[in-house]
């Protein structure tokens, strides 16, 4: 249950951080949201191997695709990586991490790629919502479910995910989208609050 909450919070604050930076050019607020996001992701990666695969994979994929292009991204990464280094991460299989990183890399290359969206509406939407990593997590979760009933079901070099991990990741994505829909309302309220605090100071 706690994992579900932290996945949801991670997605929510990640989107608030992105939109604060991209839409409002408010670096201070983007960094604040980024720190909160980094803390929630940090908790996940030190308590769950599946979360470590996902978020380290996303970090590697975005790094290789040169999509870490704002101070808020850097701060978020530094926070969760620092937590991982201090507290350690669960035992992981390199094969699964490589697969997740490759999926994240493909998603980032395809996302906002006008050449792809012009050629195919399907792939335009596919990469807009970064479905490559979602499909990988779905497959690994299904394989994990199969392994519960058939313990000898294995793929050499690949560690499967828990069957419920896909549900957690959907929550992450769902709250990411919710934050995008509610961003203007949240931002306006925080802006009013900051002005009040400024008057007090």
N, C-alpha and C. Protein backbone atom coordinates (compact mmCIF):
# COMPACT_ATOMS: atom_id res chain seq x y z
N UNK A 1 0.83 -1.21 0.00
CA UNK A 1 0.00 0.00 0.00
C UNK A 1 0.86 1.26 0.00
N UNK A 2 1.93 1.24 0.83
CA UNK A 2 2.82 2.40 0.89
C UNK A 2 3.52 2.63 -0.43
N UNK A 3 3.90 1.53 -1.11
CA UNK A 3 4.54 1.67 -2.43
C UNK A 3 3.60 2.36 -3.41
N UNK A 4 2.33 1.98 -3.39
CA UNK A 4 1.35 2.59 -4.30
C UNK A 4 1.27 4.09 -4.07
N UNK A 5 1.28 4.51 -2.82
CA UNK A 5 1.22 5.93 -2.49
C UNK A 5 2.45 6.66 -3.01
N UNK A 6 3.63 6.05 -2.82
CA UNK A 6 4.87 6.72 -3.24
C UNK A 6 5.02 6.75 -4.76
N UNK A 7 4.55 5.71 -5.46
CA UNK A 7 4.53 5.76 -6.92
C UNK A 7 3.64 6.91 -7.39
N UNK A 8 2.48 7.04 -6.78
CA UNK A 8 1.54 8.10 -7.15
C UNK A 8 2.13 9.48 -6.90
N UNK A 9 2.73 9.67 -5.72
CA UNK A 9 3.34 10.95 -5.38
C UNK A 9 4.51 11.27 -6.31
N UNK A 10 5.29 10.25 -6.66
CA UNK A 10 6.42 10.46 -7.57
C UNK A 10 5.96 11.00 -8.91
N UNK A 11 4.93 10.38 -9.48
CA UNK A 11 4.41 10.83 -10.76
C UNK A 11 3.82 12.23 -10.68
N UNK A 12 3.09 12.51 -9.59
CA UNK A 12 2.44 13.80 -9.42
C UNK A 12 3.46 14.93 -9.33
N UNK A 13 4.47 14.77 -8.47
CA UNK A 13 5.44 15.84 -8.28
C UNK A 13 6.44 15.94 -9.44
N UNK A 14 6.66 14.84 -10.16
CA UNK A 14 7.51 14.91 -11.34
C UNK A 14 6.89 15.81 -12.40
N UNK A 15 5.59 15.66 -12.60
CA UNK A 15 4.90 16.48 -13.60
C UNK A 15 4.82 17.94 -13.16
N UNK A 16 4.56 18.17 -11.87
CA UNK A 16 4.53 19.55 -11.38
C UNK A 16 5.89 20.22 -11.56
N UNK A 17 6.96 19.46 -11.33
CA UNK A 17 8.30 19.99 -11.53
C UNK A 17 8.55 20.31 -13.00
N UNK A 18 8.18 19.38 -13.88
CA UNK A 18 8.38 19.59 -15.33
C UNK A 18 7.62 20.82 -15.82
N UNK A 19 6.35 20.94 -15.44
CA UNK A 19 5.53 22.04 -15.95
C UNK A 19 5.91 23.38 -15.34
N UNK A 20 6.36 23.36 -14.09
CA UNK A 20 6.84 24.62 -13.48
C UNK A 20 8.02 25.17 -14.26
N UNK A 21 8.87 24.26 -14.71
CA UNK A 21 10.07 24.65 -15.47
C UNK A 21 9.71 25.00 -16.91
N UNK A 22 8.94 24.12 -17.57
CA UNK A 22 8.69 24.27 -19.00
C UNK A 22 7.64 25.34 -19.31
N UNK A 23 6.57 25.39 -18.54
CA UNK A 23 5.47 26.30 -18.86
C UNK A 23 5.60 27.67 -18.20
N UNK A 24 6.11 27.68 -16.96
CA UNK A 24 6.16 28.95 -16.22
C UNK A 24 7.57 29.50 -16.03
N UNK A 25 8.57 28.72 -16.43
CA UNK A 25 9.97 29.13 -16.26
C UNK A 25 10.26 29.50 -14.80
N UNK A 26 9.61 28.77 -13.88
CA UNK A 26 9.80 29.01 -12.45
C UNK A 26 10.77 27.94 -11.94
N UNK A 27 12.05 28.25 -11.97
CA UNK A 27 13.07 27.27 -11.59
C UNK A 27 13.01 26.92 -10.11
N UNK A 28 12.67 27.91 -9.28
CA UNK A 28 12.61 27.66 -7.83
C UNK A 28 11.56 26.61 -7.51
N UNK A 29 10.36 26.81 -8.04
CA UNK A 29 9.28 25.86 -7.78
C UNK A 29 9.57 24.51 -8.42
N UNK A 30 10.17 24.53 -9.61
CA UNK A 30 10.53 23.28 -10.27
C UNK A 30 11.51 22.48 -9.43
N UNK A 31 12.45 23.16 -8.81
CA UNK A 31 13.44 22.49 -7.97
C UNK A 31 12.78 21.94 -6.70
N UNK A 32 11.89 22.72 -6.09
CA UNK A 32 11.20 22.26 -4.88
C UNK A 32 10.41 20.98 -5.17
N UNK A 33 9.63 21.01 -6.24
CA UNK A 33 8.87 19.82 -6.62
C UNK A 33 9.82 18.68 -6.99
N UNK A 34 10.93 19.03 -7.62
CA UNK A 34 11.91 18.01 -8.00
C UNK A 34 12.53 17.33 -6.79
N UNK A 35 12.79 18.09 -5.74
CA UNK A 35 13.34 17.52 -4.51
C UNK A 35 12.35 16.55 -3.88
N UNK A 36 11.07 16.95 -3.83
CA UNK A 36 10.04 16.07 -3.27
C UNK A 36 9.94 14.79 -4.10
N UNK A 37 9.96 14.96 -5.42
CA UNK A 37 9.92 13.79 -6.31
C UNK A 37 11.13 12.89 -6.07
N UNK A 38 12.31 13.49 -5.94
CA UNK A 38 13.52 12.72 -5.69
C UNK A 38 13.46 11.94 -4.39
N UNK A 39 12.85 12.53 -3.37
CA UNK A 39 12.70 11.85 -2.07
C UNK A 39 11.77 10.65 -2.18
N UNK A 40 10.67 10.81 -2.90
CA UNK A 40 9.72 9.70 -3.03
C UNK A 40 10.31 8.57 -3.88
N UNK A 41 11.00 8.94 -4.95
CA UNK A 41 11.66 7.92 -5.77
C UNK A 41 12.79 7.26 -4.98
N UNK A 42 13.51 8.05 -4.20
CA UNK A 42 14.58 7.50 -3.38
C UNK A 42 14.08 6.44 -2.43
N UNK A 43 12.93 6.70 -1.81
CA UNK A 43 12.33 5.69 -0.92
C UNK A 43 12.04 4.41 -1.69
N UNK A 44 11.48 4.57 -2.88
CA UNK A 44 11.09 3.39 -3.68
C UNK A 44 12.30 2.56 -4.09
N UNK A 45 13.36 3.22 -4.56
CA UNK A 45 14.49 2.45 -5.10
C UNK A 45 15.28 1.72 -4.02
N UNK A 46 15.20 2.18 -2.76
CA UNK A 46 15.92 1.47 -1.70
C UNK A 46 15.07 0.39 -1.04
N UNK A 47 13.79 0.37 -1.36
CA UNK A 47 12.91 -0.63 -0.74
C UNK A 47 12.38 -1.66 -1.73
N UNK A 48 12.54 -1.41 -3.02
CA UNK A 48 11.98 -2.32 -4.02
C UNK A 48 12.93 -2.48 -5.21
N UNK A 49 13.29 -3.71 -5.51
CA UNK A 49 14.13 -3.97 -6.68
C UNK A 49 13.43 -3.56 -7.97
N UNK A 50 12.11 -3.79 -8.03
CA UNK A 50 11.36 -3.43 -9.23
C UNK A 50 11.40 -1.92 -9.47
N UNK A 51 11.22 -1.15 -8.40
CA UNK A 51 11.29 0.31 -8.53
C UNK A 51 12.69 0.74 -8.94
N UNK A 52 13.70 0.06 -8.41
CA UNK A 52 15.09 0.38 -8.79
C UNK A 52 15.30 0.13 -10.28
N UNK A 53 14.79 -1.00 -10.79
CA UNK A 53 14.89 -1.26 -12.23
C UNK A 53 14.25 -0.12 -13.03
N UNK A 54 13.04 0.26 -12.61
CA UNK A 54 12.27 1.24 -13.36
C UNK A 54 12.93 2.62 -13.34
N UNK A 55 13.22 3.12 -12.15
CA UNK A 55 13.68 4.51 -12.05
C UNK A 55 15.15 4.67 -12.41
N UNK A 56 15.97 3.68 -12.11
CA UNK A 56 17.34 3.73 -12.61
C UNK A 56 17.36 3.58 -14.12
N UNK A 57 16.47 2.73 -14.63
CA UNK A 57 16.36 2.57 -16.08
C UNK A 57 15.94 3.86 -16.76
N UNK A 58 14.96 4.55 -16.16
CA UNK A 58 14.52 5.84 -16.70
C UNK A 58 15.67 6.85 -16.66
N UNK A 59 16.39 6.87 -15.55
CA UNK A 59 17.52 7.80 -15.43
C UNK A 59 18.58 7.53 -16.51
N UNK A 60 18.94 6.26 -16.67
CA UNK A 60 19.96 5.91 -17.68
C UNK A 60 19.46 6.24 -19.08
N UNK A 61 18.19 5.90 -19.36
CA UNK A 61 17.62 6.16 -20.69
C UNK A 61 17.56 7.64 -21.02
N UNK A 62 17.14 8.46 -20.05
CA UNK A 62 17.07 9.91 -20.30
C UNK A 62 18.47 10.52 -20.39
N UNK A 63 19.40 9.98 -19.62
CA UNK A 63 20.78 10.47 -19.68
C UNK A 63 21.39 10.20 -21.04
N UNK A 64 21.21 8.97 -21.55
CA UNK A 64 21.78 8.59 -22.84
C UNK A 64 21.13 9.35 -23.99
N UNK A 65 19.85 9.68 -23.84
CA UNK A 65 19.14 10.41 -24.89
C UNK A 65 19.29 11.92 -24.76
N UNK A 66 20.07 12.34 -23.76
CA UNK A 66 20.36 13.76 -23.51
C UNK A 66 19.09 14.55 -23.23
N UNK A 67 18.14 13.91 -22.51
CA UNK A 67 16.90 14.58 -22.14
C UNK A 67 16.93 15.14 -20.72
N UNK A 68 18.04 14.96 -20.03
CA UNK A 68 18.19 15.61 -18.72
C UNK A 68 18.68 17.03 -19.01
N UNK A 69 17.71 17.92 -19.26
CA UNK A 69 18.05 19.22 -19.85
C UNK A 69 17.61 20.40 -18.99
N UNK A 70 17.40 20.17 -17.70
CA UNK A 70 17.02 21.27 -16.82
C UNK A 70 17.58 21.06 -15.43
N UNK A 71 17.74 22.14 -14.69
CA UNK A 71 18.28 22.03 -13.33
C UNK A 71 17.38 21.19 -12.45
N UNK A 72 16.06 21.22 -12.70
CA UNK A 72 15.13 20.43 -11.89
C UNK A 72 15.36 18.93 -12.10
N UNK A 73 15.70 18.54 -13.35
CA UNK A 73 16.02 17.13 -13.62
C UNK A 73 17.28 16.71 -12.86
N UNK A 74 18.26 17.58 -12.90
CA UNK A 74 19.54 17.28 -12.24
C UNK A 74 19.34 17.14 -10.73
N UNK A 75 18.59 18.06 -10.13
CA UNK A 75 18.36 18.02 -8.69
C UNK A 75 17.59 16.77 -8.30
N UNK A 76 16.54 16.45 -9.05
CA UNK A 76 15.76 15.24 -8.77
C UNK A 76 16.65 14.01 -8.81
N UNK A 77 17.48 13.91 -9.84
CA UNK A 77 18.38 12.76 -9.98
C UNK A 77 19.38 12.70 -8.83
N UNK A 78 19.94 13.83 -8.48
CA UNK A 78 20.93 13.87 -7.39
C UNK A 78 20.32 13.43 -6.06
N UNK A 79 19.08 13.85 -5.82
CA UNK A 79 18.42 13.48 -4.55
C UNK A 79 18.20 11.98 -4.48
N UNK A 80 17.58 11.39 -5.52
CA UNK A 80 17.27 9.97 -5.41
C UNK A 80 18.51 9.09 -5.53
N UNK A 81 19.51 9.53 -6.31
CA UNK A 81 20.75 8.76 -6.40
C UNK A 81 21.53 8.83 -5.09
N UNK A 82 21.49 9.97 -4.42
CA UNK A 82 22.17 10.11 -3.12
C UNK A 82 21.54 9.17 -2.10
N UNK A 83 20.21 9.11 -2.09
CA UNK A 83 19.51 8.20 -1.17
C UNK A 83 19.89 6.76 -1.47
N UNK A 84 19.95 6.42 -2.76
CA UNK A 84 20.32 5.06 -3.15
C UNK A 84 21.74 4.72 -2.72
N UNK A 85 22.66 5.67 -2.85
CA UNK A 85 24.05 5.44 -2.45
C UNK A 85 24.19 5.33 -0.94
N UNK A 86 23.45 6.13 -0.20
CA UNK A 86 23.55 6.13 1.26
C UNK A 86 22.93 4.87 1.87
N UNK A 87 21.74 4.52 1.41
CA UNK A 87 20.99 3.42 2.03
C UNK A 87 21.12 2.09 1.28
N UNK A 88 21.63 2.15 0.06
CA UNK A 88 21.78 0.93 -0.73
C UNK A 88 20.50 0.54 -1.44
N UNK A 89 20.65 -0.27 -2.46
CA UNK A 89 19.49 -0.75 -3.23
C UNK A 89 19.44 -2.27 -3.15
N UNK A 90 18.24 -2.83 -3.36
CA UNK A 90 18.12 -4.30 -3.32
C UNK A 90 18.96 -4.96 -4.42
N UNK A 91 19.20 -6.24 -4.27
CA UNK A 91 19.93 -7.01 -5.28
C UNK A 91 19.19 -6.95 -6.61
N UNK A 92 19.94 -6.69 -7.67
CA UNK A 92 19.33 -6.51 -8.99
C UNK A 92 20.04 -7.36 -10.03
N UNK A 93 19.30 -7.68 -11.09
CA UNK A 93 19.88 -8.38 -12.23
C UNK A 93 20.21 -7.38 -13.32
N UNK A 94 21.41 -7.45 -13.84
CA UNK A 94 21.85 -6.47 -14.83
C UNK A 94 21.02 -6.55 -16.12
N UNK A 95 20.57 -7.76 -16.46
CA UNK A 95 19.81 -7.92 -17.69
C UNK A 95 18.50 -7.15 -17.66
N UNK A 96 17.78 -7.21 -16.54
CA UNK A 96 16.51 -6.51 -16.41
C UNK A 96 16.73 -5.00 -16.42
N UNK A 97 17.80 -4.55 -15.77
CA UNK A 97 18.10 -3.12 -15.76
C UNK A 97 18.40 -2.62 -17.17
N UNK A 98 19.16 -3.39 -17.92
CA UNK A 98 19.50 -3.01 -19.30
C UNK A 98 18.24 -2.91 -20.15
N UNK A 99 17.33 -3.87 -19.99
CA UNK A 99 16.08 -3.87 -20.76
C UNK A 99 15.26 -2.62 -20.44
N UNK A 100 15.13 -2.29 -19.15
CA UNK A 100 14.36 -1.11 -18.74
C UNK A 100 15.01 0.17 -19.25
N UNK A 101 16.35 0.23 -19.16
CA UNK A 101 17.07 1.42 -19.63
C UNK A 101 16.91 1.58 -21.15
N UNK A 102 16.98 0.47 -21.88
CA UNK A 102 16.82 0.53 -23.33
C UNK A 102 15.41 0.97 -23.71
N UNK A 103 14.41 0.46 -22.98
CA UNK A 103 13.02 0.85 -23.24
C UNK A 103 12.82 2.34 -22.98
N UNK A 104 13.39 2.82 -21.87
CA UNK A 104 13.27 4.25 -21.54
C UNK A 104 13.98 5.10 -22.59
N UNK A 105 15.12 4.63 -23.07
CA UNK A 105 15.87 5.35 -24.10
C UNK A 105 15.05 5.44 -25.39
N UNK A 106 14.45 4.34 -25.80
CA UNK A 106 13.62 4.33 -27.01
C UNK A 106 12.44 5.30 -26.86
N UNK A 107 11.82 5.29 -25.68
CA UNK A 107 10.70 6.21 -25.43
C UNK A 107 11.14 7.66 -25.55
N UNK A 108 12.29 7.99 -25.00
CA UNK A 108 12.76 9.37 -25.03
C UNK A 108 13.14 9.82 -26.44
N UNK A 109 13.72 8.90 -27.21
CA UNK A 109 14.05 9.23 -28.60
C UNK A 109 12.78 9.47 -29.41
N UNK A 110 11.74 8.67 -29.14
CA UNK A 110 10.49 8.81 -29.88
C UNK A 110 9.60 9.93 -29.41
N UNK A 111 9.72 10.30 -28.13
CA UNK A 111 8.85 11.33 -27.55
C UNK A 111 9.16 12.70 -28.16
N UNK A 112 8.09 13.43 -28.54
CA UNK A 112 8.25 14.76 -29.15
C UNK A 112 9.08 14.73 -30.43
N UNK A 113 9.08 13.59 -31.10
CA UNK A 113 9.82 13.44 -32.35
C UNK A 113 8.84 13.71 -33.50
N UNK A 114 8.94 14.88 -34.11
CA UNK A 114 7.99 15.26 -35.14
C UNK A 114 8.06 14.37 -36.37
N UNK A 115 9.25 13.86 -36.67
CA UNK A 115 9.40 12.98 -37.84
C UNK A 115 8.56 11.72 -37.67
N UNK A 116 8.54 11.17 -36.45
CA UNK A 116 7.77 9.97 -36.18
C UNK A 116 6.28 10.26 -36.19
N UNK A 117 5.87 11.35 -35.52
CA UNK A 117 4.44 11.68 -35.42
C UNK A 117 3.84 12.02 -36.78
N UNK A 118 4.66 12.59 -37.68
CA UNK A 118 4.16 12.91 -39.01
C UNK A 118 3.95 11.65 -39.85
N UNK A 119 4.82 10.68 -39.65
CA UNK A 119 4.71 9.44 -40.43
C UNK A 119 3.58 8.54 -39.94
N UNK A 120 3.36 8.54 -38.62
CA UNK A 120 2.38 7.61 -38.06
C UNK A 120 1.72 8.20 -36.83
N UNK A 121 0.39 8.36 -36.88
CA UNK A 121 -0.34 8.84 -35.71
C UNK A 121 -0.25 7.83 -34.57
N UNK A 122 -0.26 6.55 -34.93
CA UNK A 122 -0.18 5.50 -33.91
C UNK A 122 1.11 5.62 -33.11
N UNK A 123 2.24 5.68 -33.82
CA UNK A 123 3.52 5.76 -33.12
C UNK A 123 3.72 7.14 -32.46
N UNK A 124 3.08 8.16 -33.01
CA UNK A 124 3.12 9.46 -32.37
C UNK A 124 2.51 9.40 -30.98
N UNK A 125 1.33 8.76 -30.89
CA UNK A 125 0.67 8.58 -29.59
C UNK A 125 1.43 7.58 -28.72
N UNK A 126 1.95 6.54 -29.36
CA UNK A 126 2.71 5.51 -28.64
C UNK A 126 3.87 6.13 -27.88
N UNK A 127 4.62 6.98 -28.55
CA UNK A 127 5.79 7.59 -27.91
C UNK A 127 5.43 8.81 -27.07
N UNK A 128 4.32 9.46 -27.39
CA UNK A 128 3.87 10.58 -26.56
C UNK A 128 3.65 10.12 -25.12
N UNK A 129 3.06 8.93 -24.98
CA UNK A 129 2.79 8.38 -23.65
C UNK A 129 3.80 7.32 -23.23
N UNK A 130 4.91 7.24 -23.95
CA UNK A 130 6.05 6.40 -23.58
C UNK A 130 5.62 4.96 -23.27
N UNK A 131 5.05 4.32 -24.28
CA UNK A 131 4.50 2.98 -24.07
C UNK A 131 5.54 1.87 -24.11
N UNK A 132 6.74 2.15 -24.60
CA UNK A 132 7.75 1.09 -24.67
C UNK A 132 8.06 0.55 -23.28
N UNK A 133 8.34 1.44 -22.35
CA UNK A 133 8.65 1.01 -20.98
C UNK A 133 7.44 0.38 -20.31
N UNK A 134 6.26 0.92 -20.57
CA UNK A 134 5.04 0.33 -20.00
C UNK A 134 4.87 -1.12 -20.44
N UNK A 135 5.10 -1.39 -21.74
CA UNK A 135 4.97 -2.75 -22.25
C UNK A 135 6.01 -3.68 -21.64
N UNK A 136 7.24 -3.17 -21.47
CA UNK A 136 8.29 -3.97 -20.84
C UNK A 136 7.91 -4.34 -19.42
N UNK A 137 7.42 -3.36 -18.66
CA UNK A 137 7.02 -3.62 -17.27
C UNK A 137 5.84 -4.58 -17.23
N UNK A 138 4.90 -4.43 -18.17
CA UNK A 138 3.75 -5.34 -18.24
C UNK A 138 4.21 -6.77 -18.47
N UNK A 139 5.11 -6.96 -19.43
CA UNK A 139 5.61 -8.30 -19.75
C UNK A 139 6.36 -8.91 -18.57
N UNK A 140 7.23 -8.12 -17.96
CA UNK A 140 8.01 -8.61 -16.82
C UNK A 140 7.11 -8.93 -15.63
N UNK A 141 6.04 -8.16 -15.46
CA UNK A 141 5.09 -8.43 -14.39
C UNK A 141 4.28 -9.70 -14.67
N UNK A 142 3.90 -9.89 -15.92
CA UNK A 142 3.18 -11.11 -16.30
C UNK A 142 4.07 -12.34 -16.14
N UNK A 143 5.34 -12.20 -16.51
CA UNK A 143 6.29 -13.31 -16.32
C UNK A 143 6.45 -13.62 -14.83
N UNK A 144 6.45 -12.56 -14.00
CA UNK A 144 6.53 -12.78 -12.56
C UNK A 144 5.32 -13.51 -12.03
N UNK A 145 4.15 -13.22 -12.59
CA UNK A 145 2.93 -13.91 -12.19
C UNK A 145 2.99 -15.38 -12.61
N UNK A 146 3.45 -15.64 -13.83
CA UNK A 146 3.60 -17.02 -14.31
C UNK A 146 4.56 -17.79 -13.41
N UNK A 147 5.63 -17.13 -12.97
CA UNK A 147 6.65 -17.79 -12.17
C UNK A 147 6.12 -18.22 -10.80
N UNK A 148 5.09 -17.51 -10.31
CA UNK A 148 4.48 -17.90 -9.03
C UNK A 148 3.88 -19.30 -9.14
N UNK A 149 3.24 -19.58 -10.26
CA UNK A 149 2.57 -20.86 -10.46
C UNK A 149 3.49 -21.90 -11.09
N UNK A 150 4.52 -21.42 -11.78
CA UNK A 150 5.49 -22.32 -12.42
C UNK A 150 6.90 -21.85 -12.04
N UNK A 151 7.38 -22.22 -10.87
CA UNK A 151 8.68 -21.73 -10.35
C UNK A 151 9.87 -21.99 -11.27
N UNK A 152 9.77 -22.99 -12.12
CA UNK A 152 10.88 -23.30 -13.03
C UNK A 152 10.90 -22.42 -14.28
N UNK A 153 9.88 -21.57 -14.41
CA UNK A 153 9.83 -20.67 -15.56
C UNK A 153 10.86 -19.56 -15.35
N UNK A 154 11.91 -19.56 -16.18
CA UNK A 154 13.00 -18.59 -16.04
C UNK A 154 13.55 -18.23 -17.41
N UNK A 155 14.16 -17.05 -17.47
CA UNK A 155 14.93 -16.63 -18.63
C UNK A 155 16.31 -16.26 -18.11
N UNK A 156 17.31 -16.90 -18.62
CA UNK A 156 18.67 -16.70 -18.10
C UNK A 156 19.08 -15.23 -18.21
N UNK A 157 19.52 -14.69 -17.09
CA UNK A 157 20.00 -13.30 -17.04
C UNK A 157 18.93 -12.26 -16.82
N UNK A 158 17.66 -12.70 -16.75
CA UNK A 158 16.55 -11.77 -16.58
C UNK A 158 15.81 -12.06 -15.28
N UNK A 159 15.68 -11.05 -14.44
CA UNK A 159 14.87 -11.17 -13.24
C UNK A 159 13.49 -10.59 -13.54
N UNK A 160 12.44 -11.32 -13.20
CA UNK A 160 11.09 -10.84 -13.44
C UNK A 160 10.64 -9.90 -12.33
N UNK A 161 9.57 -9.16 -12.59
CA UNK A 161 9.02 -8.24 -11.61
C UNK A 161 7.84 -8.88 -10.89
N UNK A 162 7.47 -8.28 -9.77
CA UNK A 162 6.27 -8.73 -9.07
C UNK A 162 5.05 -8.43 -9.94
N UNK A 163 4.04 -9.25 -9.85
CA UNK A 163 2.88 -9.11 -10.73
C UNK A 163 2.16 -7.77 -10.53
N UNK A 164 2.27 -7.18 -9.35
CA UNK A 164 1.56 -5.93 -9.07
C UNK A 164 2.36 -4.69 -9.47
N UNK A 165 3.59 -4.85 -9.91
CA UNK A 165 4.41 -3.68 -10.26
C UNK A 165 3.81 -2.88 -11.40
N UNK A 166 3.20 -3.54 -12.36
CA UNK A 166 2.57 -2.82 -13.46
C UNK A 166 1.45 -1.93 -12.96
N UNK A 167 0.73 -2.37 -11.92
CA UNK A 167 -0.34 -1.55 -11.34
C UNK A 167 0.25 -0.31 -10.69
N UNK A 168 1.35 -0.48 -9.96
CA UNK A 168 2.02 0.66 -9.33
C UNK A 168 2.50 1.66 -10.38
N UNK A 169 3.05 1.13 -11.49
CA UNK A 169 3.57 2.04 -12.51
C UNK A 169 2.44 2.77 -13.23
N UNK A 170 1.31 2.11 -13.39
CA UNK A 170 0.15 2.78 -13.96
C UNK A 170 -0.31 3.93 -13.05
N UNK A 171 -0.24 3.71 -11.73
CA UNK A 171 -0.56 4.78 -10.79
C UNK A 171 0.40 5.95 -10.95
N UNK A 172 1.68 5.65 -11.13
CA UNK A 172 2.69 6.69 -11.37
C UNK A 172 2.31 7.51 -12.60
N UNK A 173 1.97 6.84 -13.68
CA UNK A 173 1.62 7.52 -14.93
C UNK A 173 0.30 8.26 -14.81
N UNK A 174 -0.66 7.66 -14.11
CA UNK A 174 -1.98 8.29 -13.93
C UNK A 174 -1.86 9.60 -13.17
N UNK A 175 -1.10 9.60 -12.09
CA UNK A 175 -0.96 10.82 -11.30
C UNK A 175 -0.06 11.84 -11.99
N UNK A 176 0.82 11.38 -12.86
CA UNK A 176 1.59 12.30 -13.71
C UNK A 176 0.63 13.08 -14.61
N UNK A 177 -0.33 12.37 -15.21
CA UNK A 177 -1.29 13.02 -16.09
C UNK A 177 -2.25 13.91 -15.31
N UNK A 178 -2.67 13.47 -14.14
CA UNK A 178 -3.56 14.27 -13.29
C UNK A 178 -2.89 15.59 -12.92
N UNK A 179 -1.60 15.52 -12.57
CA UNK A 179 -0.86 16.74 -12.23
C UNK A 179 -0.83 17.70 -13.41
N UNK A 180 -0.71 17.16 -14.62
CA UNK A 180 -0.72 18.01 -15.81
C UNK A 180 -2.06 18.70 -15.99
N UNK A 181 -3.14 17.99 -15.73
CA UNK A 181 -4.48 18.55 -15.86
C UNK A 181 -4.76 19.61 -14.79
N UNK A 182 -4.22 19.40 -13.61
CA UNK A 182 -4.48 20.30 -12.47
C UNK A 182 -3.37 21.33 -12.27
N UNK A 183 -2.41 21.36 -13.17
CA UNK A 183 -1.23 22.20 -12.94
C UNK A 183 -1.57 23.67 -12.76
N UNK A 184 -2.39 24.22 -13.64
CA UNK A 184 -2.70 25.65 -13.57
C UNK A 184 -3.31 26.02 -12.22
N UNK A 185 -4.24 25.19 -11.75
CA UNK A 185 -4.89 25.47 -10.47
C UNK A 185 -3.89 25.40 -9.32
N UNK A 186 -3.05 24.36 -9.32
CA UNK A 186 -2.04 24.21 -8.27
C UNK A 186 -1.04 25.36 -8.31
N UNK A 187 -0.58 25.69 -9.51
CA UNK A 187 0.43 26.75 -9.65
C UNK A 187 -0.12 28.10 -9.21
N UNK A 188 -1.36 28.40 -9.59
CA UNK A 188 -1.95 29.69 -9.23
C UNK A 188 -2.11 29.82 -7.71
N UNK A 189 -2.51 28.74 -7.06
CA UNK A 189 -2.65 28.78 -5.61
C UNK A 189 -1.30 28.99 -4.93
N UNK A 190 -0.29 28.30 -5.42
CA UNK A 190 1.05 28.45 -4.84
C UNK A 190 1.61 29.84 -5.11
N UNK A 191 1.30 30.39 -6.27
CA UNK A 191 1.77 31.75 -6.59
C UNK A 191 1.14 32.76 -5.64
N UNK A 192 -0.16 32.60 -5.37
CA UNK A 192 -0.83 33.51 -4.43
C UNK A 192 -0.23 33.37 -3.04
N UNK A 193 0.04 32.12 -2.64
CA UNK A 193 0.64 31.88 -1.33
C UNK A 193 2.02 32.53 -1.22
N UNK A 194 2.81 32.40 -2.28
CA UNK A 194 4.17 32.97 -2.25
C UNK A 194 4.12 34.48 -2.17
N UNK A 195 3.10 35.10 -2.83
CA UNK A 195 2.98 36.55 -2.76
C UNK A 195 2.61 36.99 -1.35
N UNK A 196 1.73 36.22 -0.69
CA UNK A 196 1.35 36.53 0.68
C UNK A 196 2.56 36.42 1.60
N UNK A 197 3.33 35.36 1.44
CA UNK A 197 4.53 35.17 2.25
C UNK A 197 5.54 36.27 1.99
N UNK A 198 5.59 36.73 0.75
CA UNK A 198 6.50 37.82 0.41
C UNK A 198 6.10 39.11 1.10
N UNK A 199 4.78 39.34 1.21
CA UNK A 199 4.31 40.52 1.91
C UNK A 199 4.61 40.44 3.39
N UNK A 200 4.51 39.23 3.94
CA UNK A 200 4.79 39.05 5.36
C UNK A 200 6.24 39.31 5.64
N UNK A 201 7.10 38.80 4.73
CA UNK A 201 8.53 39.01 4.93
C UNK A 201 8.91 40.47 4.71
